[in-house]
Amino acid sequence: MNLPTFVLVHGAWHGGWCYIRVARLLRAKGYEVLTPTLTGLGERSHLASQLVNASTHVQDILNVITFEGLEDVVLVGHSYGGQIITAVADAIPDKIRALVYLDAFVGEDGKSIFDLDSPAATASYIAMAQANGGHRVPPLASAVFGVNAADQAWVDARCTPGSLATWTERLKLKGRHTRISNRTYVFANGWDGPFRPVYEQVRAEGGWHTYEFECGHDVMIDMPQRTADVLHAAAMGHTDNASTSS
């Protein structure tokens, strides 16, 4: 089997930097790995604008795939990034070998992150934006996400504000992403976030490879080796049939 290329999409406030450990492990196995940073975040924070929305970020990833000439992609999304990879897969399903959601929103047609998250979280983010020019949402402390103590300062120093429009824009899907049958979901049970219902839903649907990690929300930081192992399994079509809690 030819090795696919990994495109690892980060979540809100983060950047491609958060995948540094996982990328290193995958490259050691011979994979090509791309870790793009979405517009307005991380090292691209100088491009932050109230005009940056979810569609901007979908186009970011579509452009990476187009300009890198990728044809066989394992598309990975963490948290908010799950919304993005669903929309990307909906646009170019024939180029995607597998979808992997790391403690993430899966996304639904006509729904935004605010439609999927808890009302309390939505109200909090709106209030944060109103206190910061009306469109910038400052990052939450990594401790809130259950990041291990040794890495909290490293994560906090690199997270940057996000555009409110990335939370409020509703996805427009045609349903073509459902053609991709190789789908994986990783649930992190070490923090009190919004993803247990998502995890339970995909388990109930069937057809998903599911894993449960004993760690905080940033699984790629807290458990890089285990995350890399799951991504490798997805790339290989889960030939070990390892759809399990871990």
Protein backbone atom coordinates (compact mmCIF):
# COMPACT_ATOMS: atom_id res chain seq x y z
CA MET A 1 0.00 0.00 0.00
CA ASN A 2 1.31 3.43 -0.95
CA LEU A 3 1.73 5.81 1.93
CA PRO A 4 -0.72 8.73 1.97
CA THR A 5 0.13 12.27 3.02
CA PHE A 6 -1.09 13.56 6.37
CA VAL A 7 -2.58 17.04 6.61
CA LEU A 8 -2.98 17.89 10.29
CA VAL A 9 -5.43 20.70 11.03
CA HIS A 10 -5.29 22.37 14.43
CA GLY A 11 -8.13 23.78 16.49
CA ALA A 12 -9.07 27.22 17.78
CA TRP A 13 -6.30 29.45 19.12
CA HIS A 14 -3.60 26.94 18.17
CA GLY A 15 -1.31 26.66 15.14
CA GLY A 16 0.57 24.01 13.25
CA TRP A 17 3.12 24.06 16.07
CA CYS A 18 0.86 21.90 18.27
CA TYR A 19 1.50 18.86 16.03
CA ILE A 20 5.30 19.02 16.20
CA ARG A 21 5.66 15.80 18.21
CA VAL A 22 3.12 13.78 16.25
CA ALA A 23 4.54 14.98 12.93
CA ARG A 24 8.02 13.91 13.97
CA LEU A 25 6.78 10.41 14.85
CA LEU A 26 4.85 10.03 11.58
CA ARG A 27 7.78 11.25 9.48
CA ALA A 28 9.96 8.65 11.18
CA LYS A 29 7.59 6.06 9.68
CA GLY A 30 8.15 7.50 6.22
CA TYR A 31 5.05 9.64 5.87
CA GLU A 32 4.90 13.09 4.35
CA VAL A 33 3.24 15.32 6.95
CA LEU A 34 1.94 18.86 6.52
CA THR A 35 0.92 20.98 9.51
CA PRO A 36 -0.53 24.19 8.08
CA THR A 37 -1.46 27.08 10.34
CA LEU A 38 -4.86 28.61 9.65
CA THR A 39 -5.13 32.28 8.68
CA GLY A 40 -4.96 34.68 11.61
CA LEU A 41 -3.45 32.23 14.09
CA GLY A 42 0.02 31.22 15.25
CA GLU A 43 2.76 32.50 12.98
CA ARG A 44 -0.01 33.86 10.72
CA SER A 45 -1.56 35.93 13.50
CA HIS A 46 -0.47 39.10 11.69
CA LEU A 47 -3.26 38.28 9.21
CA ALA A 48 -5.95 38.31 11.89
CA SER A 49 -9.12 40.13 10.82
CA GLN A 50 -12.83 40.18 11.56
CA LEU A 51 -13.24 38.93 7.98
CA VAL A 52 -11.53 35.63 8.78
CA ASN A 53 -14.21 32.97 9.11
CA ALA A 54 -14.60 29.20 8.77
CA SER A 55 -14.70 29.49 4.98
CA THR A 56 -11.29 31.19 5.09
CA HIS A 57 -9.90 28.22 6.98
CA VAL A 58 -11.52 25.69 4.67
CA GLN A 59 -9.87 27.50 1.76
CA ASP A 60 -6.54 27.44 3.59
CA ILE A 61 -6.59 23.65 3.63
CA LEU A 62 -7.99 23.28 0.12
CA ASN A 63 -5.13 25.47 -1.11
CA VAL A 64 -2.55 23.35 0.69
CA ILE A 65 -3.90 20.22 -0.97
CA THR A 66 -4.14 21.90 -4.38
CA PHE A 67 -0.78 23.66 -4.45
CA GLU A 68 1.10 20.72 -2.93
CA GLY A 69 -0.50 18.48 -5.57
CA LEU A 70 -1.85 16.01 -3.03
CA GLU A 71 -4.09 13.17 -4.20
CA ASP A 72 -4.16 10.70 -1.29
CA VAL A 73 -4.69 12.47 2.02
CA VAL A 74 -5.38 11.46 5.60
CA LEU A 75 -7.10 14.58 6.87
CA VAL A 76 -6.91 15.13 10.62
CA GLY A 77 -8.79 17.77 12.60
CA HIS A 78 -8.55 18.70 16.26
CA SER A 79 -11.44 20.40 18.07
CA TYR A 80 -12.67 23.29 15.84
CA GLY A 81 -10.53 21.76 13.11
CA GLY A 82 -13.06 18.95 12.82
CA GLN A 83 -15.50 21.42 11.25
CA ILE A 84 -12.83 22.39 8.75
CA ILE A 85 -11.85 18.90 7.63
CA THR A 86 -15.50 17.93 7.14
CA ALA A 87 -16.01 20.88 4.81
CA VAL A 88 -12.74 20.16 2.97
CA ALA A 89 -13.72 16.52 2.50
CA ASP A 90 -17.12 17.63 1.25
CA ALA A 91 -15.41 19.73 -1.42
CA ILE A 92 -12.83 17.15 -2.59
CA PRO A 93 -13.90 13.70 -1.35
CA ASP A 94 -11.95 11.84 -4.06
CA LYS A 95 -8.65 13.13 -2.68
CA ILE A 96 -9.26 11.99 0.91
CA ARG A 97 -8.26 8.49 2.07
CA ALA A 98 -9.38 8.91 5.67
CA LEU A 99 -10.81 11.40 8.14
CA VAL A 100 -9.60 11.53 11.74
CA TYR A 101 -11.28 13.68 14.38
CA LEU A 102 -9.23 14.38 17.52
CA ASP A 103 -11.66 15.35 20.30
CA ALA A 104 -13.44 17.44 17.70
CA PHE A 105 -16.66 18.73 16.27
CA VAL A 106 -17.65 16.65 13.26
CA GLY A 107 -19.82 19.36 11.77
CA GLU A 108 -23.29 19.42 10.25
CA ASP A 109 -24.80 21.20 7.30
CA GLY A 110 -26.28 24.55 8.28
CA LYS A 111 -24.65 24.59 11.72
CA SER A 112 -21.86 26.65 13.23
CA ILE A 113 -19.64 25.86 16.20
CA PHE A 114 -21.97 27.96 18.33
CA ASP A 115 -24.88 25.80 17.20
CA LEU A 116 -23.00 22.69 18.35
CA ASP A 117 -21.29 23.93 21.52
CA SER A 118 -22.99 24.51 24.87
CA PRO A 119 -25.01 27.72 25.35
CA ALA A 120 -22.75 28.63 28.27
CA ALA A 121 -19.61 28.38 26.13
CA THR A 122 -21.24 30.38 23.34
CA ALA A 123 -22.25 33.17 25.73
CA SER A 124 -18.76 33.21 27.22
CA TYR A 125 -17.00 33.52 23.86
CA ILE A 126 -19.33 36.29 22.72
CA ALA A 127 -18.66 38.21 25.93
CA MET A 128 -14.92 37.73 25.46
CA ALA A 129 -15.14 39.06 21.92
CA GLN A 130 -17.20 42.08 22.98
CA ALA A 131 -14.49 42.94 25.49
CA ASN A 132 -11.81 42.70 22.78
CA GLY A 133 -12.96 44.86 19.91
CA GLY A 134 -16.07 42.85 19.08
CA HIS A 135 -14.47 40.16 16.95
CA ARG A 136 -11.40 38.72 18.71
CA VAL A 137 -11.77 35.84 21.15
CA PRO A 138 -8.73 35.55 23.44
CA PRO A 139 -7.42 32.02 24.04
CA LEU A 140 -8.46 30.11 27.11
CA ALA A 141 -5.68 28.98 29.44
CA SER A 142 -4.36 25.55 28.54
CA ALA A 143 -5.16 24.35 32.05
CA VAL A 144 -8.85 24.69 31.17
CA PHE A 145 -8.30 22.05 28.48
CA GLY A 146 -6.49 19.73 30.85
CA VAL A 147 -3.09 20.08 29.18
CA ASN A 148 -0.46 18.34 31.27
CA ALA A 149 1.31 20.66 33.72
CA ALA A 150 4.72 20.33 32.08
CA ASP A 151 3.43 21.71 28.76
CA GLN A 152 1.03 24.41 29.91
CA ALA A 153 3.48 27.31 29.72
CA TRP A 154 4.63 26.19 26.26
CA VAL A 155 1.05 26.02 24.97
CA ASP A 156 -0.08 29.27 26.59
CA ALA A 157 2.87 31.16 25.05
CA ARG A 158 1.83 30.08 21.54
CA CYS A 159 -1.94 30.31 21.53
CA THR A 160 -3.35 33.45 19.86
CA PRO A 161 -6.79 35.09 19.67
CA GLY A 162 -9.29 33.79 17.14
CA SER A 163 -11.87 35.53 14.96
CA LEU A 164 -15.43 35.34 16.27
CA ALA A 165 -16.66 34.66 12.73
CA THR A 166 -14.96 31.26 12.79
CA TRP A 167 -17.39 30.27 15.54
CA THR A 168 -20.50 31.88 14.04
CA GLU A 169 -20.35 30.88 10.35
CA ARG A 170 -22.59 27.95 9.46
CA LEU A 171 -21.24 25.16 7.29
CA LYS A 172 -22.71 24.57 3.85
CA LEU A 173 -22.29 20.90 2.99
CA LYS A 174 -23.46 18.88 0.01
CA GLY A 175 -23.09 15.53 1.74
CA ARG A 176 -20.15 14.38 -0.38
CA HIS A 177 -17.95 13.91 2.71
CA THR A 178 -20.08 10.87 3.59
CA ARG A 179 -18.42 9.00 0.70
CA ILE A 180 -15.36 8.59 2.91
CA SER A 181 -15.91 5.39 4.87
CA ASN A 182 -12.57 5.34 6.72
CA ARG A 183 -13.45 7.58 9.67
CA THR A 184 -11.88 7.72 13.10
CA TYR A 185 -12.86 9.53 16.28
CA VAL A 186 -10.62 10.03 19.33
CA PHE A 187 -12.31 11.16 22.53
CA ALA A 188 -10.27 12.70 25.37
CA ASN A 189 -11.95 12.01 28.70
CA GLY A 190 -9.54 14.04 30.85
CA TRP A 191 -11.42 17.33 30.73
CA ASP A 192 -15.01 18.56 30.90
CA GLY A 193 -15.63 19.57 27.30
CA PRO A 194 -18.46 19.32 24.75
CA PHE A 195 -17.30 16.21 22.90
CA ARG A 196 -18.70 13.26 24.84
CA PRO A 197 -22.07 13.56 23.05
CA VAL A 198 -20.23 13.66 19.70
CA TYR A 199 -18.25 10.56 20.65
CA GLU A 200 -21.37 8.73 21.76
CA GLN A 201 -23.17 9.71 18.57
CA VAL A 202 -20.49 8.38 16.24
CA ARG A 203 -20.25 5.15 18.25
CA ALA A 204 -24.01 4.74 17.91
CA GLU A 205 -23.87 5.39 14.17
CA GLY A 206 -21.47 2.53 13.55
CA GLY A 207 -18.86 2.47 10.82
CA TRP A 208 -16.43 4.58 12.85
CA HIS A 209 -13.15 3.52 14.43
CA THR A 210 -13.30 4.99 17.92
CA TYR A 211 -10.76 5.46 20.68
CA GLU A 212 -10.90 6.92 24.17
CA PHE A 213 -7.76 8.55 25.58
CA GLU A 214 -7.06 9.18 29.25
CA CYS A 215 -5.75 12.71 28.82
CA GLY A 216 -6.69 16.34 28.29
CA HIS A 217 -8.18 17.91 25.17
CA ASP A 218 -4.86 18.47 23.35
CA VAL A 219 -4.27 14.79 22.66
CA MET A 220 -1.45 15.50 20.21
CA ILE A 221 0.45 17.20 23.03
CA ASP A 222 -0.47 14.98 25.97
CA MET A 223 -0.24 11.63 24.14
CA PRO A 224 1.79 12.11 20.93
CA GLN A 225 2.84 8.48 20.54
CA ARG A 226 -0.67 7.13 21.02
CA THR A 227 -2.03 9.77 18.66
CA ALA A 228 0.56 8.89 16.01
CA ASP A 229 -0.30 5.21 16.40
CA VAL A 230 -3.98 5.90 15.76
CA LEU A 231 -3.18 8.07 12.74
CA HIS A 232 -0.97 5.33 11.32
CA ALA A 233 -3.78 2.82 11.85
CA ALA A 234 -6.16 5.11 9.95
CA ALA A 235 -3.68 5.45 7.09
CA MET A 236 -3.41 1.66 6.89
CA GLY A 237 -7.19 1.24 6.90
CA HIS A 238 -7.23 -0.05 10.48
CA THR A 239 -6.00 -3.43 9.33
CA ASP A 240 -5.45 -4.31 12.99
CA ASN A 241 -9.21 -3.73 13.51
CA ALA A 242 -8.32 -1.65 16.56
CA SER A 243 -11.57 0.20 17.22
CA THR A 244 -11.21 0.35 20.94
CA SER A 245 -11.02 2.43 24.09
CA SER A 246 -7.41 3.17 24.96
